[in-house]
PDB file of all heavy atoms in Angstrom:
ATOM      1  N   GLY A   1       5.223  80.754  62.101  1.00  0.00           N
ATOM      2  CA  GLY A   1       5.934  80.197  60.813  1.00  0.00           C
ATOM      3  C   GLY A   1       5.742  81.126  59.685  1.00  0.00           C
ATOM      4  O   GLY A   1       6.675  81.423  58.856  1.00  0.00           O
ATOM      5  N   GLY A   2       4.507  81.673  59.487  1.00  0.00           N
ATOM      6  CA  GLY A   2       4.255  82.547  58.468  1.00  0.00           C
ATOM      7  C   GLY A   2       4.923  83.921  58.496  1.00  0.00           C
ATOM      8  O   GLY A   2       5.473  84.444  57.582  1.00  0.00           O
ATOM      9  N   LEU A   3       5.015  84.337  59.793  1.00  0.00           N
ATOM     10  CA  LEU A   3       5.737  85.606  60.054  1.00  0.00           C
ATOM     11  C   LEU A   3       7.167  85.460  59.780  1.00  0.00           C
ATOM     12  O   LEU A   3       7.849  86.447  59.099  1.00  0.00           O
ATOM     13  CB  LEU A   3       5.548  86.120  61.498  1.00  0.00           C
ATOM     14  CG  LEU A   3       4.106  86.475  61.886  1.00  0.00           C
ATOM     15  CD1 LEU A   3       3.989  86.658  63.383  1.00  0.00           C
ATOM     16  CD2 LEU A   3       3.732  87.806  61.225  1.00  0.00           C
ATOM     17  N   VAL A   4       7.758  84.437  60.230  1.00  0.00           N
ATOM     18  CA  VAL A   4       9.285  84.174  60.014  1.00  0.00           C
ATOM     19  C   VAL A   4       9.560  84.055  58.491  1.00  0.00           C
ATOM     20  O   VAL A   4      10.532  84.541  57.982  1.00  0.00           O
ATOM     21  CB  VAL A   4       9.708  82.918  60.812  1.00  0.00           C
ATOM     22  CG1 VAL A   4      11.109  82.526  60.357  1.00  0.00           C
ATOM     23  CG2 VAL A   4       9.617  83.148  62.265  1.00  0.00           C
ATOM     24  N   ALA A   5       8.713  83.300  57.873  1.00  0.00           N
ATOM     25  CA  ALA A   5       8.909  83.138  56.412  1.00  0.00           C
ATOM     26  C   ALA A   5       8.711  84.448  55.646  1.00  0.00           C
ATOM     27  O   ALA A   5       9.477  84.551  54.544  1.00  0.00           O
ATOM     28  CB  ALA A   5       7.759  82.157  55.863  1.00  0.00           C
ATOM     29  N   LYS A   6       8.078  85.438  56.097  1.00  0.00           N
ATOM     30  CA  LYS A   6       7.899  86.677  55.486  1.00  0.00           C
ATOM     31  C   LYS A   6       8.982  87.731  55.936  1.00  0.00           C
ATOM     32  O   LYS A   6       8.833  88.923  55.673  1.00  0.00           O
ATOM     33  CB  LYS A   6       6.501  87.212  55.615  1.00  0.00           C
ATOM     34  CG  LYS A   6       5.479  86.385  54.854  1.00  0.00           C
ATOM     35  CD  LYS A   6       4.070  87.008  55.015  1.00  0.00           C
ATOM     36  CE  LYS A   6       3.054  86.141  54.221  1.00  0.00           C
ATOM     37  NZ  LYS A   6       3.312  86.202  52.779  1.00  0.00           N
ATOM     38  N   GLY A   7       9.977  87.273  56.751  1.00  0.00           N
ATOM     39  CA  GLY A   7      11.079  88.157  57.146  1.00  0.00           C
ATOM     40  C   GLY A   7      11.001  88.899  58.420  1.00  0.00           C
ATOM     41  O   GLY A   7      11.804  89.753  58.656  1.00  0.00           O
ATOM     42  N   ILE A   8       9.939  88.645  59.276  1.00  0.00           N
ATOM     43  CA  ILE A   8       9.891  89.250  60.563  1.00  0.00           C
ATOM     44  C   ILE A   8      11.037  88.822  61.421  1.00  0.00           C
ATOM     45  O   ILE A   8      11.403  87.691  61.412  1.00  0.00           O
ATOM     46  CB  ILE A   8       8.580  88.936  61.278  1.00  0.00           C
ATOM     47  CG1 ILE A   8       7.332  89.551  60.549  1.00  0.00           C
ATOM     48  CG2 ILE A   8       8.550  89.433  62.809  1.00  0.00           C
ATOM     49  CD1 ILE A   8       7.400  91.063  60.535  1.00  0.00           C
ATOM     50  N   ASP A   9      11.719  89.788  62.033  1.00  0.00           N
ATOM     51  CA  ASP A   9      12.868  89.459  62.937  1.00  0.00           C
ATOM     52  C   ASP A   9      12.524  88.478  64.047  1.00  0.00           C
ATOM     53  O   ASP A   9      11.564  88.772  64.914  1.00  0.00           O
ATOM     54  CB  ASP A   9      13.462  90.816  63.604  1.00  0.00           C
ATOM     55  CG  ASP A   9      14.678  90.598  64.353  1.00  0.00           C
ATOM     56  OD1 ASP A   9      15.078  89.451  64.712  1.00  0.00           O
ATOM     57  OD2 ASP A   9      15.307  91.641  64.687  1.00  0.00           O
ATOM     58  N   LYS A  10      13.120  87.317  64.105  1.00  0.00           N
ATOM     59  CA  LYS A  10      12.777  86.290  65.028  1.00  0.00           C
ATOM     60  C   LYS A  10      12.940  86.828  66.571  1.00  0.00           C
ATOM     61  O   LYS A  10      12.160  86.345  67.363  1.00  0.00           O
ATOM     62  CB  LYS A  10      13.565  85.072  64.949  1.00  0.00           C
ATOM     63  CG  LYS A  10      13.389  84.422  63.497  1.00  0.00           C
ATOM     64  CD  LYS A  10      14.415  83.294  63.305  1.00  0.00           C
ATOM     65  CE  LYS A  10      14.236  82.679  61.940  1.00  0.00           C
ATOM     66  NZ  LYS A  10      15.262  81.607  61.704  1.00  0.00           N
ATOM     67  N   GLN A  11      13.796  87.750  66.727  1.00  0.00           N
ATOM     68  CA  GLN A  11      14.053  88.163  68.099  1.00  0.00           C
ATOM     69  C   GLN A  11      12.963  89.186  68.478  1.00  0.00           C
ATOM     70  O   GLN A  11      12.888  89.561  69.628  1.00  0.00           O
ATOM     71  CB  GLN A  11      15.357  88.870  68.199  1.00  0.00           C
ATOM     72  CG  GLN A  11      16.527  87.854  68.089  1.00  0.00           C
ATOM     73  CD  GLN A  11      16.408  86.672  69.073  1.00  0.00           C
ATOM     74  OE1 GLN A  11      16.363  86.944  70.321  1.00  0.00           O
ATOM     75  NE2 GLN A  11      16.268  85.452  68.641  1.00  0.00           N
ATOM     76  N   ASN A  12      12.072  89.579  67.506  1.00  0.00           N
ATOM     77  CA  ASN A  12      10.948  90.488  67.936  1.00  0.00           C
ATOM     78  C   ASN A  12       9.657  89.577  68.312  1.00  0.00           C
ATOM     79  O   ASN A  12       8.687  90.114  68.483  1.00  0.00           O
ATOM     80  CB  ASN A  12      10.574  91.299  66.809  1.00  0.00           C
ATOM     81  CG  ASN A  12      11.508  92.595  66.724  1.00  0.00           C
ATOM     82  OD1 ASN A  12      12.245  92.865  67.659  1.00  0.00           O
ATOM     83  ND2 ASN A  12      11.464  93.344  65.581  1.00  0.00           N
ATOM     84  N   ILE A  13       9.884  88.255  68.246  1.00  0.00           N
ATOM     85  CA  ILE A  13       8.796  87.323  68.543  1.00  0.00           C
ATOM     86  C   ILE A  13       9.056  86.608  69.781  1.00  0.00           C
ATOM     87  O   ILE A  13      10.076  85.891  69.916  1.00  0.00           O
ATOM     88  CB  ILE A  13       8.413  86.389  67.445  1.00  0.00           C
ATOM     89  CG1 ILE A  13       8.136  87.113  66.061  1.00  0.00           C
ATOM     90  CG2 ILE A  13       7.300  85.514  67.849  1.00  0.00           C
ATOM     91  CD1 ILE A  13       8.102  86.216  64.875  1.00  0.00           C
ATOM     92  N   SER A  14       8.148  86.692  70.799  1.00  0.00           N
ATOM     93  CA  SER A  14       8.373  86.017  72.071  1.00  0.00           C
ATOM     94  C   SER A  14       7.144  85.134  72.325  1.00  0.00           C
ATOM     95  O   SER A  14       5.844  85.605  72.078  1.00  0.00           O
ATOM     96  CB  SER A  14       8.375  87.035  73.246  1.00  0.00           C
ATOM     97  OG  SER A  14       8.555  86.411  74.416  1.00  0.00           O
ATOM     98  N   VAL A  15       7.271  83.932  72.773  1.00  0.00           N
ATOM     99  CA  VAL A  15       6.238  82.915  72.788  1.00  0.00           C
ATOM    100  C   VAL A  15       6.213  82.313  74.283  1.00  0.00           C
ATOM    101  O   VAL A  15       7.291  81.919  74.729  1.00  0.00           O
ATOM    102  CB  VAL A  15       6.331  81.809  71.802  1.00  0.00           C
ATOM    103  CG1 VAL A  15       5.127  80.884  71.904  1.00  0.00           C
ATOM    104  CG2 VAL A  15       6.425  82.353  70.391  1.00  0.00           C
ATOM    105  N   SER A  16       5.032  82.362  74.916  1.00  0.00           N
ATOM    106  CA  SER A  16       4.959  81.690  76.131  1.00  0.00           C
ATOM    107  C   SER A  16       4.165  80.394  75.962  1.00  0.00           C
ATOM    108  O   SER A  16       2.987  80.424  75.426  1.00  0.00           O
ATOM    109  CB  SER A  16       4.140  82.589  77.220  1.00  0.00           C
ATOM    110  OG  SER A  16       3.854  81.808  78.369  1.00  0.00           O
ATOM    111  N   GLU A  17       4.712  79.144  76.306  1.00  0.00           N
ATOM    112  CA  GLU A  17       4.140  77.876  76.128  1.00  0.00           C
ATOM    113  C   GLU A  17       4.490  77.062  77.400  1.00  0.00           C
ATOM    114  O   GLU A  17       5.670  76.816  77.659  1.00  0.00           O
ATOM    115  CB  GLU A  17       4.532  77.301  74.858  1.00  0.00           C
ATOM    116  CG  GLU A  17       4.165  75.863  74.648  1.00  0.00           C
ATOM    117  CD  GLU A  17       2.737  75.554  74.852  1.00  0.00           C
ATOM    118  OE1 GLU A  17       1.902  76.325  74.190  1.00  0.00           O
ATOM    119  OE2 GLU A  17       2.358  74.546  75.582  1.00  0.00           O
ATOM    120  N   PRO A  18       3.485  76.549  78.129  1.00  0.00           N
ATOM    121  CA  PRO A  18       3.790  75.782  79.337  1.00  0.00           C
ATOM    122  C   PRO A  18       4.219  74.326  78.994  1.00  0.00           C
ATOM    123  O   PRO A  18       5.002  73.828  79.847  1.00  0.00           O
ATOM    124  CB  PRO A  18       2.430  75.723  80.048  1.00  0.00           C
ATOM    125  CG  PRO A  18       1.368  75.907  79.061  1.00  0.00           C
ATOM    126  CD  PRO A  18       2.023  76.784  77.993  1.00  0.00           C
ATOM    127  N   TRP A  19       3.921  73.779  77.893  1.00  0.00           N
ATOM    128  CA  TRP A  19       4.230  72.373  77.602  1.00  0.00           C
ATOM    129  C   TRP A  19       5.716  72.320  76.903  1.00  0.00           C
ATOM    130  O   TRP A  19       5.878  73.057  75.923  1.00  0.00           O
ATOM    131  CB  TRP A  19       3.191  71.787  76.681  1.00  0.00           C
ATOM    132  CG  TRP A  19       1.891  71.616  77.326  1.00  0.00           C
ATOM    133  CD1 TRP A  19       0.845  72.454  77.184  1.00  0.00           C
ATOM    134  CD2 TRP A  19       1.479  70.602  78.335  1.00  0.00           C
ATOM    135  NE1 TRP A  19      -0.237  72.042  78.000  1.00  0.00           N
ATOM    136  CE2 TRP A  19       0.197  70.928  78.657  1.00  0.00           C
ATOM    137  CE3 TRP A  19       2.184  69.519  78.920  1.00  0.00           C
ATOM    138  CZ2 TRP A  19      -0.540  70.183  79.607  1.00  0.00           C
ATOM    139  CZ3 TRP A  19       1.525  68.746  79.836  1.00  0.00           C
ATOM    140  CH2 TRP A  19       0.058  69.026  80.074  1.00  0.00           C
ATOM    141  N   ASP A  20       6.545  71.538  77.496  1.00  0.00           N
ATOM    142  CA  ASP A  20       7.897  71.483  76.994  1.00  0.00           C
ATOM    143  C   ASP A  20       7.992  71.012  75.568  1.00  0.00           C
ATOM    144  O   ASP A  20       8.769  71.688  74.805  1.00  0.00           O
ATOM    145  CB  ASP A  20       8.694  70.372  77.851  1.00  0.00           C
ATOM    146  CG  ASP A  20       8.875  70.863  79.309  1.00  0.00           C
ATOM    147  OD1 ASP A  20       8.678  72.132  79.511  1.00  0.00           O
ATOM    148  OD2 ASP A  20       9.349  70.008  80.113  1.00  0.00           O
ATOM    149  N   VAL A  21       7.191  70.101  75.123  1.00  0.00           N
ATOM    150  CA  VAL A  21       7.289  69.619  73.746  1.00  0.00           C
ATOM    151  C   VAL A  21       6.899  70.746  72.751  1.00  0.00           C
ATOM    152  O   VAL A  21       7.585  70.983  71.724  1.00  0.00           O
ATOM    153  CB  VAL A  21       6.330  68.441  73.502  1.00  0.00           C
ATOM    154  CG1 VAL A  21       6.243  68.066  72.005  1.00  0.00           C
ATOM    155  CG2 VAL A  21       6.729  67.254  74.327  1.00  0.00           C
ATOM    156  N   ASN A  22       5.799  71.443  72.976  1.00  0.00           N
ATOM    157  CA  ASN A  22       5.297  72.513  72.145  1.00  0.00           C
ATOM    158  C   ASN A  22       6.416  73.713  72.179  1.00  0.00           C
ATOM    159  O   ASN A  22       6.725  74.315  71.143  1.00  0.00           O
ATOM    160  CB  ASN A  22       3.954  73.091  72.597  1.00  0.00           C
ATOM    161  CG  ASN A  22       2.870  72.201  72.190  1.00  0.00           C
ATOM    162  OD1 ASN A  22       3.046  71.276  71.395  1.00  0.00           O
ATOM    163  ND2 ASN A  22       1.737  72.485  72.751  1.00  0.00           N
ATOM    164  N   ARG A  23       6.899  74.024  73.409  1.00  0.00           N
ATOM    165  CA  ARG A  23       7.901  75.022  73.557  1.00  0.00           C
ATOM    166  C   ARG A  23       9.178  74.744  72.735  1.00  0.00           C
ATOM    167  O   ARG A  23       9.746  75.738  72.090  1.00  0.00           O
ATOM    168  CB  ARG A  23       8.203  75.375  75.016  1.00  0.00           C
ATOM    169  CG  ARG A  23       8.976  76.589  75.192  1.00  0.00           C
ATOM    170  CD  ARG A  23       8.966  77.037  76.723  1.00  0.00           C
ATOM    171  NE  ARG A  23       9.678  76.024  77.568  1.00  0.00           N
ATOM    172  CZ  ARG A  23       9.034  75.324  78.426  1.00  0.00           C
ATOM    173  NH1 ARG A  23       7.737  75.292  78.518  1.00  0.00           N
ATOM    174  NH2 ARG A  23       9.702  74.374  79.167  1.00  0.00           N
ATOM    175  N   GLU A  24       9.670  73.622  72.809  1.00  0.00           N
ATOM    176  CA  GLU A  24      10.805  73.199  72.046  1.00  0.00           C
ATOM    177  C   GLU A  24      10.568  73.226  70.486  1.00  0.00           C
ATOM    178  O   GLU A  24      11.501  73.623  69.774  1.00  0.00           O
ATOM    179  CB  GLU A  24      11.220  71.758  72.491  1.00  0.00           C
ATOM    180  CG  GLU A  24      11.844  71.684  73.852  1.00  0.00           C
ATOM    181  CD  GLU A  24      11.964  70.323  74.411  1.00  0.00           C
ATOM    182  OE1 GLU A  24      11.702  69.318  73.646  1.00  0.00           O
ATOM    183  OE2 GLU A  24      12.293  70.123  75.632  1.00  0.00           O
ATOM    184  N   LYS A  25       9.379  72.863  70.135  1.00  0.00           N
ATOM    185  CA  LYS A  25       8.985  72.973  68.754  1.00  0.00           C
ATOM    186  C   LYS A  25       9.051  74.382  68.252  1.00  0.00           C
ATOM    187  O   LYS A  25       9.659  74.613  67.143  1.00  0.00           O
ATOM    188  CB  LYS A  25       7.606  72.317  68.476  1.00  0.00           C
ATOM    189  CG  LYS A  25       7.314  72.191  67.018  1.00  0.00           C
ATOM    190  CD  LYS A  25       5.892  71.543  66.934  1.00  0.00           C
ATOM    191  CE  LYS A  25       5.431  71.408  65.438  1.00  0.00           C
ATOM    192  NZ  LYS A  25       4.053  70.848  65.381  1.00  0.00           N
TER     193      LYS A  25
END
């Protein structure tokens, strides 16, 4: 959230998360 707020390109951020709820968030 901090990175996005400071203008980092969202497509340069990739997240692996096994839980559906966290991943959707």
